[in-house]
């Protein structure tokens, strides 16, 4: 194979060489001592330019000096090979693991055959652009990048790669991506008026009064509800399993809340307490009507289908949207009731830390993002309040 004359690179902790291959790419290699066997091992790195190959080589030699680059044996695995191993070792929820696998599948047709050390930022960038052109949303494309970033972060920790190329690749811009829609205070009042006569009304009231996620409300049990003290404890989620998971996990996945902060006790407004009393009466009536066909194996769930089975989230969303259409209100997702609750907390002047605790956000960044969304309205209120203070001060003078 024709190549340029090798160029030596010396560092205090070792040396290596770089040369240009026939295909124009630059090849860097270095030799190190395997601390486990005492034998000399040779490793190779690649770059599109001489500067890139040189930077990789210097980084590898520095990492070896710090003991931060374990020497692996044998051929570096491909993305497809390592991805399968990474998924088998992920300690996440079954539904999350299934989603990781789906997202990774978008990358494997074009990148799966590449060894991890051959991956470059432009590979990931080109992948995202191609997926976007094929019809995937920018948000989903960025989720693919996030999975690759997590996968390569673990590969870097194991010493299989020197850098995380997915982290270096730029995410796609999200301009034009649909944001969560919120209902105005007047629109919420219209929905709550209709809720008094709708079977799902208590569910809507609790979603707006607590800001809880749909899966948290579906998993809510009467043992989590304290009507005397007016509070509920969010401790678990309940969701239908994707079809590929049902054989192993059953139709429903009941799990603890996603993070420690997601487990929380929320004080209830009086309207929510009234709605839960109404829900308890409704459930008792439906249990009597169902008789022996009532499905009781799921315990004391607060929200159920008429036959006692767990509430199906997609159907609950469809019923909500149908009611919104009848009222002439905007079509929203069920999750947007949570966004509406968060917005009302912001507009009410509730501190970020308090709202974060109520909503169960794992980081304040998510809460701050909601508060930033309503910042213009809050800023106007602040300006008017400041104006009142300043004018009052002028009058006293």
Protein backbone atom coordinates (compact mmCIF):
# COMPACT_ATOMS: atom_id res chain seq x y z
CA UNK A 1 0.00 0.00 0.00
CA UNK A 2 1.58 3.30 -1.09
CA UNK A 3 2.03 5.81 1.69
CA UNK A 4 3.98 8.89 2.64
CA UNK A 5 7.14 8.68 4.69
CA UNK A 6 6.21 7.98 8.33
CA UNK A 7 6.49 10.96 10.65
CA UNK A 8 7.54 10.30 14.24
CA UNK A 9 5.69 11.95 17.10
CA UNK A 10 7.48 11.95 20.45
CA UNK A 11 5.95 12.66 23.83
CA UNK A 12 7.44 12.34 27.31
CA UNK A 13 5.30 9.25 27.86
CA UNK A 14 5.88 7.50 24.54
CA UNK A 15 6.09 7.82 20.79
CA UNK A 16 4.19 6.94 17.65
CA UNK A 17 4.15 7.62 13.95
CA UNK A 18 1.68 8.87 11.35
CA UNK A 19 1.54 8.41 7.59
CA UNK A 20 -0.93 8.99 4.79
CA UNK A 21 -2.72 6.02 3.21
CA UNK A 22 -3.49 5.54 -0.45
CA UNK A 23 -7.13 6.55 0.13
CA UNK A 24 -6.00 9.92 1.47
CA UNK A 25 -6.80 9.21 5.13
CA UNK A 26 -4.08 9.52 7.74
CA UNK A 27 -3.06 6.56 9.87
CA UNK A 28 -1.49 6.97 13.30
CA UNK A 29 -0.09 4.11 15.34
CA UNK A 30 1.65 3.71 18.64
CA UNK A 31 3.09 0.91 20.75
CA UNK A 32 2.49 0.46 24.45
CA UNK A 33 3.10 -2.11 27.16
CA UNK A 34 0.08 -4.09 28.31
CA UNK A 35 0.26 -3.94 32.14
CA UNK A 36 -1.54 -7.28 32.46
CA UNK A 37 0.78 -9.32 30.23
CA UNK A 38 3.92 -7.18 29.99
CA UNK A 39 3.80 -7.58 26.21
CA UNK A 40 4.09 -4.81 23.65
CA UNK A 41 0.86 -4.07 21.77
CA UNK A 42 0.35 -1.89 18.71
CA UNK A 43 -2.71 0.28 18.27
CA UNK A 44 -3.94 2.28 15.27
CA UNK A 45 -5.92 5.49 14.92
CA UNK A 46 -7.29 7.24 11.84
CA UNK A 47 -7.99 10.79 10.78
CA UNK A 48 -9.19 12.63 7.71
CA UNK A 49 -6.25 15.05 7.95
CA UNK A 50 -2.71 14.94 9.29
CA UNK A 51 -3.68 17.37 12.05
CA UNK A 52 -6.56 15.15 13.16
CA UNK A 53 -4.42 12.00 13.22
CA UNK A 54 -1.69 13.86 15.12
CA UNK A 55 -4.18 15.15 17.70
CA UNK A 56 -5.60 11.65 18.24
CA UNK A 57 -2.13 10.17 18.67
CA UNK A 58 -1.05 12.80 21.20
CA UNK A 59 -4.33 12.36 23.10
CA UNK A 60 -3.82 8.58 23.23
CA UNK A 61 -0.24 8.92 24.50
CA UNK A 62 -1.32 11.38 27.18
CA UNK A 63 -4.18 9.08 28.23
CA UNK A 64 -1.77 6.15 28.50
CA UNK A 65 0.47 8.22 30.76
CA UNK A 66 -2.46 8.96 33.07
CA UNK A 67 -3.63 5.34 33.01
CA UNK A 68 -6.93 6.53 31.57
CA UNK A 69 -6.80 4.42 28.41
CA UNK A 70 -7.14 0.69 29.14
CA UNK A 71 -5.66 -1.47 26.39
CA UNK A 72 -8.27 -3.72 24.81
CA UNK A 73 -7.35 -6.93 23.06
CA UNK A 74 -8.31 -8.04 19.59
CA UNK A 75 -10.25 -6.23 16.91
CA UNK A 76 -12.26 -3.17 17.90
CA UNK A 77 -15.98 -4.07 17.71
CA UNK A 78 -18.24 -2.52 15.11
CA UNK A 79 -21.08 -0.24 16.11
CA UNK A 80 -23.56 -3.08 15.54
CA UNK A 81 -21.54 -5.51 17.67
CA UNK A 82 -20.96 -3.08 20.50
CA UNK A 83 -24.53 -1.77 20.31
CA UNK A 84 -25.90 -5.24 20.98
CA UNK A 85 -23.60 -5.64 23.97
CA UNK A 86 -24.38 -2.16 25.27
CA UNK A 87 -28.13 -2.77 25.12
CA UNK A 88 -27.74 -6.06 27.00
CA UNK A 89 -25.94 -4.22 29.83
CA UNK A 90 -28.17 -1.12 30.06
CA UNK A 91 -29.84 -0.85 33.45
CA UNK A 92 -32.95 1.03 32.44
CA UNK A 93 -36.68 0.35 32.37
CA UNK A 94 -37.90 -2.24 29.84
CA UNK A 95 -39.85 0.38 27.89
CA UNK A 96 -36.80 2.69 27.81
CA UNK A 97 -34.56 -0.17 26.70
CA UNK A 98 -36.98 -1.00 23.91
CA UNK A 99 -36.92 2.63 22.78
CA UNK A 100 -33.10 2.67 22.82
CA UNK A 101 -33.12 -0.36 20.53
CA UNK A 102 -35.59 1.31 18.14
CA UNK A 103 -33.47 4.46 17.93
CA UNK A 104 -30.24 2.53 17.46
CA UNK A 105 -31.82 0.63 14.57
CA UNK A 106 -31.97 3.91 12.64
CA UNK A 107 -28.16 4.14 12.75
CA UNK A 108 -27.15 0.55 12.03
CA UNK A 109 -27.97 0.28 8.29
CA UNK A 110 -25.41 2.95 7.40
CA UNK A 111 -22.99 2.90 10.36
CA UNK A 112 -23.36 -0.56 11.91
CA UNK A 113 -20.48 -2.08 9.90
CA UNK A 114 -17.94 0.55 11.02
CA UNK A 115 -15.53 -0.21 13.84
CA UNK A 116 -15.95 2.20 16.73
CA UNK A 117 -12.49 3.67 16.12
CA UNK A 118 -13.42 4.47 12.50
CA UNK A 119 -16.47 6.53 13.43
CA UNK A 120 -16.12 10.27 12.85
CA UNK A 121 -18.37 13.24 13.72
CA UNK A 122 -19.29 13.66 10.05
CA UNK A 123 -20.66 10.09 10.02
CA UNK A 124 -23.15 11.02 12.75
CA UNK A 125 -23.94 14.39 11.18
CA UNK A 126 -24.62 12.84 7.79
CA UNK A 127 -26.78 10.18 9.44
CA UNK A 128 -28.97 12.81 11.11
CA UNK A 129 -29.41 14.73 7.86
CA UNK A 130 -30.30 11.55 5.97
CA UNK A 131 -32.84 10.49 8.58
CA UNK A 132 -34.38 13.96 8.49
CA UNK A 133 -34.65 13.77 4.70
CA UNK A 134 -36.31 10.36 5.07
CA UNK A 135 -39.12 11.93 7.10
CA UNK A 136 -38.05 11.58 10.74
CA UNK A 137 -38.69 14.62 12.92
CA UNK A 138 -35.71 16.68 14.03
CA UNK A 139 -36.48 15.72 17.62
CA UNK A 140 -36.37 11.99 16.84
CA UNK A 141 -33.13 12.43 14.89
CA UNK A 142 -31.60 14.11 17.92
CA UNK A 143 -32.81 11.23 20.08
CA UNK A 144 -30.85 8.90 17.77
CA UNK A 145 -27.80 11.09 18.37
CA UNK A 146 -28.41 10.96 22.12
CA UNK A 147 -28.46 7.14 22.12
CA UNK A 148 -25.22 7.06 20.11
CA UNK A 149 -23.72 9.56 22.54
CA UNK A 150 -24.61 7.39 25.53
CA UNK A 151 -23.31 4.27 23.78
CA UNK A 152 -19.99 5.87 22.83
CA UNK A 153 -19.61 7.39 26.28
CA UNK A 154 -19.57 3.86 27.68
CA UNK A 155 -17.16 2.74 24.93
CA UNK A 156 -14.88 5.63 25.86
CA UNK A 157 -15.03 4.63 29.52
CA UNK A 158 -13.96 1.12 28.50
CA UNK A 159 -11.05 2.52 26.51
CA UNK A 160 -12.36 1.42 23.14
CA UNK A 161 -12.43 4.95 21.72
CA UNK A 162 -10.58 8.15 22.56
CA UNK A 163 -13.44 10.54 21.94
CA UNK A 164 -17.20 10.59 21.65
CA UNK A 165 -17.92 11.51 18.03
CA UNK A 166 -21.70 11.68 18.62
CA UNK A 167 -21.07 14.33 21.26
CA UNK A 168 -18.98 16.29 18.75
CA UNK A 169 -21.65 16.07 16.03
CA UNK A 170 -24.10 18.97 16.06
CA UNK A 171 -27.77 18.20 16.84
CA UNK A 172 -30.38 19.30 14.33
CA UNK A 173 -32.10 22.62 15.02
CA UNK A 174 -35.62 22.30 16.40
CA UNK A 175 -37.11 25.41 14.80
CA UNK A 176 -40.63 24.67 13.67
CA UNK A 177 -40.98 21.68 15.98
CA UNK A 178 -44.32 21.67 17.76
CA UNK A 179 -44.09 22.78 21.37
CA UNK A 180 -46.51 21.84 24.06
CA UNK A 181 -49.78 23.79 23.89
CA UNK A 182 -51.31 25.14 27.04
CA UNK A 183 -54.87 26.10 27.80
CA UNK A 184 -55.71 29.58 29.02
CA UNK A 185 -57.39 30.08 32.40
CA UNK A 186 -60.75 30.66 30.69
CA UNK A 187 -60.38 27.54 28.55
CA UNK A 188 -59.52 25.49 31.64
CA UNK A 189 -62.64 26.77 33.40
CA UNK A 190 -64.74 25.64 30.41
CA UNK A 191 -63.13 22.20 30.51
CA UNK A 192 -63.64 21.88 34.27
CA UNK A 193 -67.30 22.77 33.92
CA UNK A 194 -67.70 19.93 31.43
CA UNK A 195 -65.64 17.65 33.68
CA UNK A 196 -68.39 17.59 36.28
CA UNK A 197 -70.57 15.57 33.89
CA UNK A 198 -67.94 13.44 32.13
CA UNK A 199 -66.68 10.03 33.25
CA UNK A 200 -63.05 11.14 32.78
CA UNK A 201 -63.69 14.47 34.50
CA UNK A 202 -61.90 13.56 37.78
CA UNK A 203 -58.87 12.49 35.75
CA UNK A 204 -58.71 15.86 33.98
CA UNK A 205 -59.15 17.76 37.25
CA UNK A 206 -56.34 15.85 38.94
CA UNK A 207 -54.03 16.31 35.93
CA UNK A 208 -54.57 20.08 36.05
CA UNK A 209 -54.44 20.33 39.84
CA UNK A 210 -51.27 18.27 40.32
CA UNK A 211 -49.41 18.47 37.02
CA UNK A 212 -48.89 14.70 37.24
CA UNK A 213 -47.94 12.70 34.15
CA UNK A 214 -50.58 10.49 32.55
CA UNK A 215 -48.68 7.29 33.47
CA UNK A 216 -48.46 8.49 37.09
CA UNK A 217 -52.21 9.08 37.25
CA UNK A 218 -52.95 5.70 35.64
CA UNK A 219 -50.74 4.06 38.29
CA UNK A 220 -52.27 6.00 41.19
CA UNK A 221 -53.84 3.82 43.90
CA UNK A 222 -56.36 4.70 46.58
CA UNK A 223 -53.69 3.78 49.12
CA UNK A 224 -51.71 6.76 47.74
CA UNK A 225 -54.63 9.13 48.36
CA UNK A 226 -55.29 10.85 51.68
CA UNK A 227 -58.60 12.65 51.26
CA UNK A 228 -58.80 13.75 54.90
CA UNK A 229 -55.49 15.61 54.69
CA UNK A 230 -56.01 16.52 51.05
CA UNK A 231 -52.89 15.08 49.44
CA UNK A 232 -51.70 12.35 47.08
CA UNK A 233 -48.38 10.53 46.84
CA UNK A 234 -46.98 9.85 43.37
CA UNK A 235 -44.99 6.64 43.74
CA UNK A 236 -45.26 4.64 40.50
CA UNK A 237 -46.20 4.64 36.84
CA UNK A 238 -48.37 2.21 34.89
CA UNK A 239 -48.18 1.92 31.08
CA UNK A 240 -49.14 -0.59 28.43
CA UNK A 241 -46.06 -2.47 27.27
CA UNK A 242 -45.07 -2.22 23.58
CA UNK A 243 -46.04 -5.39 21.72
CA UNK A 244 -42.48 -6.82 21.52
CA UNK A 245 -42.25 -6.67 25.34
CA UNK A 246 -45.62 -8.19 26.21
CA UNK A 247 -44.53 -11.82 25.98
CA UNK A 248 -41.81 -11.22 28.57
CA UNK A 249 -43.37 -8.53 30.77
CA UNK A 250 -47.12 -8.88 30.24
CA UNK A 251 -49.54 -6.32 28.88
CA UNK A 252 -48.84 -3.69 31.54
CA UNK A 253 -45.60 -2.32 32.99
CA UNK A 254 -45.87 -1.09 36.58
CA UNK A 255 -42.69 0.60 37.74
CA UNK A 256 -41.45 3.05 40.38
CA UNK A 257 -41.30 6.66 39.30
CA UNK A 258 -38.50 7.47 36.90
CA UNK A 259 -36.30 9.37 39.36
CA UNK A 260 -36.10 9.96 43.10
CA UNK A 261 -37.50 13.47 42.64
CA UNK A 262 -40.45 12.07 40.71
CA UNK A 263 -41.64 10.35 43.90
CA UNK A 264 -43.46 13.12 45.68
CA UNK A 265 -46.41 14.03 47.89
CA UNK A 266 -48.61 16.79 46.49
CA UNK A 267 -51.16 18.82 48.49
CA UNK A 268 -54.53 18.92 46.74
CA UNK A 269 -56.71 21.88 45.95
CA UNK A 270 -60.30 21.53 47.15
CA UNK A 271 -61.52 21.03 43.56
CA UNK A 272 -59.22 17.99 43.28
CA UNK A 273 -60.47 16.54 46.58
CA UNK A 274 -64.07 16.90 45.36
CA UNK A 275 -63.15 15.23 42.07
CA UNK A 276 -61.61 12.24 43.88
CA UNK A 277 -64.72 11.83 46.03
CA UNK A 278 -66.73 11.80 42.80
CA UNK A 279 -64.36 9.26 41.28
CA UNK A 280 -64.72 6.94 44.28
CA UNK A 281 -68.52 7.00 43.98
CA UNK A 282 -68.34 6.40 40.21
CA UNK A 283 -65.98 3.46 40.65
CA UNK A 284 -68.24 1.85 43.27
CA UNK A 285 -71.22 2.12 40.88
CA UNK A 286 -69.28 0.59 37.99
CA UNK A 287 -68.05 -2.25 40.17
CA UNK A 288 -71.64 -3.10 41.10
CA UNK A 289 -72.75 -3.01 37.47
CA UNK A 290 -69.85 -5.19 36.32
CA UNK A 291 -70.45 -7.81 39.01
CA UNK A 292 -68.32 -10.93 38.53
CA UNK A 293 -66.78 -9.56 35.30
CA UNK A 294 -64.99 -6.81 37.26
CA UNK A 295 -61.20 -7.19 36.82
CA UNK A 296 -59.77 -6.86 40.30
CA UNK A 297 -56.26 -8.21 39.79
CA UNK A 298 -54.79 -4.72 39.49
CA UNK A 299 -55.64 -3.80 43.06
CA UNK A 300 -57.00 -0.44 44.15
CA UNK A 301 -56.30 1.71 41.08
CA UNK A 302 -58.01 5.09 41.20
CA UNK A 303 -58.64 5.33 37.45
CA UNK A 304 -59.91 2.31 35.50
CA UNK A 305 -61.86 1.29 32.46
CA UNK A 306 -65.54 0.41 33.16
CA UNK A 307 -64.64 -3.28 33.50
CA UNK A 308 -62.01 -2.58 36.18
CA UNK A 309 -58.96 -2.97 33.94
CA UNK A 310 -56.27 -0.25 33.96
CA UNK A 311 -57.08 2.95 32.13
CA UNK A 312 -55.75 2.96 28.56
CA UNK A 313 -53.82 6.15 27.97
CA UNK A 314 -54.49 6.45 24.23
CA UNK A 315 -58.24 6.08 24.73
CA UNK A 316 -58.21 8.60 27.57
CA UNK A 317 -56.42 11.07 25.28
CA UNK A 318 -58.93 10.48 22.50
CA UNK A 319 -61.85 11.12 24.86
CA UNK A 320 -60.20 14.33 26.09
CA UNK A 321 -59.68 15.57 22.53
CA UNK A 322 -63.26 14.72 21.60
CA UNK A 323 -64.54 16.79 24.53
CA UNK A 324 -62.24 19.68 23.63
CA UNK A 325 -63.65 19.63 20.08
CA UNK A 326 -67.22 19.73 21.41
CA UNK A 327 -66.31 22.75 23.53
CA UNK A 328 -64.54 24.49 20.63
CA UNK A 329 -61.22 24.41 22.50
CA UNK A 330 -57.76 23.77 20.98
CA UNK A 331 -56.74 20.17 20.32
CA UNK A 332 -54.00 19.24 22.79
CA UNK A 333 -52.22 16.14 24.01
CA UNK A 334 -53.02 14.78 27.45
CA UNK A 335 -49.48 15.73 28.48
CA UNK A 336 -50.36 19.36 27.72
CA UNK A 337 -52.60 19.39 30.80
CA UNK A 338 -49.33 19.00 32.73
CA UNK A 339 -47.83 21.89 30.75
CA UNK A 340 -50.89 23.98 31.55
CA UNK A 341 -50.52 23.24 35.28
CA UNK A 342 -46.85 24.21 35.14
CA UNK A 343 -47.69 27.45 33.34
CA UNK A 344 -50.29 28.38 35.97
CA UNK A 345 -47.69 27.78 38.70
CA UNK A 346 -45.35 30.19 36.92
CA UNK A 347 -48.03 32.83 36.38
CA UNK A 348 -49.06 32.55 40.03
CA UNK A 349 -45.54 33.50 41.09
CA UNK A 350 -44.75 30.11 42.66
CA UNK A 351 -40.94 29.82 43.16
CA UNK A 352 -39.10 27.54 40.75
CA UNK A 353 -37.95 25.22 43.54
CA UNK A 354 -41.53 24.69 44.71
CA UNK A 355 -42.83 24.08 41.19
CA UNK A 356 -39.98 21.65 40.58
CA UNK A 357 -41.03 19.64 43.65
CA UNK A 358 -44.71 19.61 42.65
CA UNK A 359 -44.04 18.57 39.06
CA UNK A 360 -41.37 16.03 39.93
CA UNK A 361 -38.76 17.42 37.55
CA UNK A 362 -35.34 15.81 37.99
CA UNK A 363 -33.51 19.06 37.19
CA UNK A 364 -34.42 22.70 37.58
CA UNK A 365 -33.59 23.27 33.88
CA UNK A 366 -36.89 21.70 32.83
CA UNK A 367 -38.85 23.89 35.24
CA UNK A 368 -36.90 26.98 34.24
CA UNK A 369 -37.68 26.29 30.60
CA UNK A 370 -41.40 26.46 31.40
CA UNK A 371 -40.93 29.63 33.42
CA UNK A 372 -38.95 31.17 30.57
CA UNK A 373 -41.85 30.38 28.23
CA UNK A 374 -44.15 32.66 30.20
CA UNK A 375 -41.42 35.19 31.02
CA UNK A 376 -42.96 38.02 28.89
CA UNK A 377 -46.19 37.91 30.91
CA UNK A 378 -44.27 37.74 34.19
CA UNK A 379 -42.02 40.59 33.09
CA UNK A 380 -45.07 42.77 32.30
CA UNK A 381 -46.52 42.07 35.76
CA UNK A 382 -43.14 42.91 37.32
CA UNK A 383 -42.94 46.16 35.36
CA UNK A 384 -46.43 47.18 36.47
CA UNK A 385 -45.61 46.34 40.10
CA UNK A 386 -42.39 48.38 39.88
CA UNK A 387 -44.31 51.25 38.34
CA UNK A 388 -46.76 51.24 41.25
CA UNK A 389 -43.89 51.33 43.75
CA UNK A 390 -42.05 54.11 41.95
CA UNK A 391 -45.15 56.27 41.50
CA UNK A 392 -46.06 55.79 45.13
CA UNK A 393 -42.57 56.85 46.11
CA UNK A 394 -42.85 59.97 43.92
CA UNK A 395 -46.18 60.89 45.49
CA UNK A 396 -44.72 60.61 49.01
CA UNK A 397 -41.96 63.01 48.03
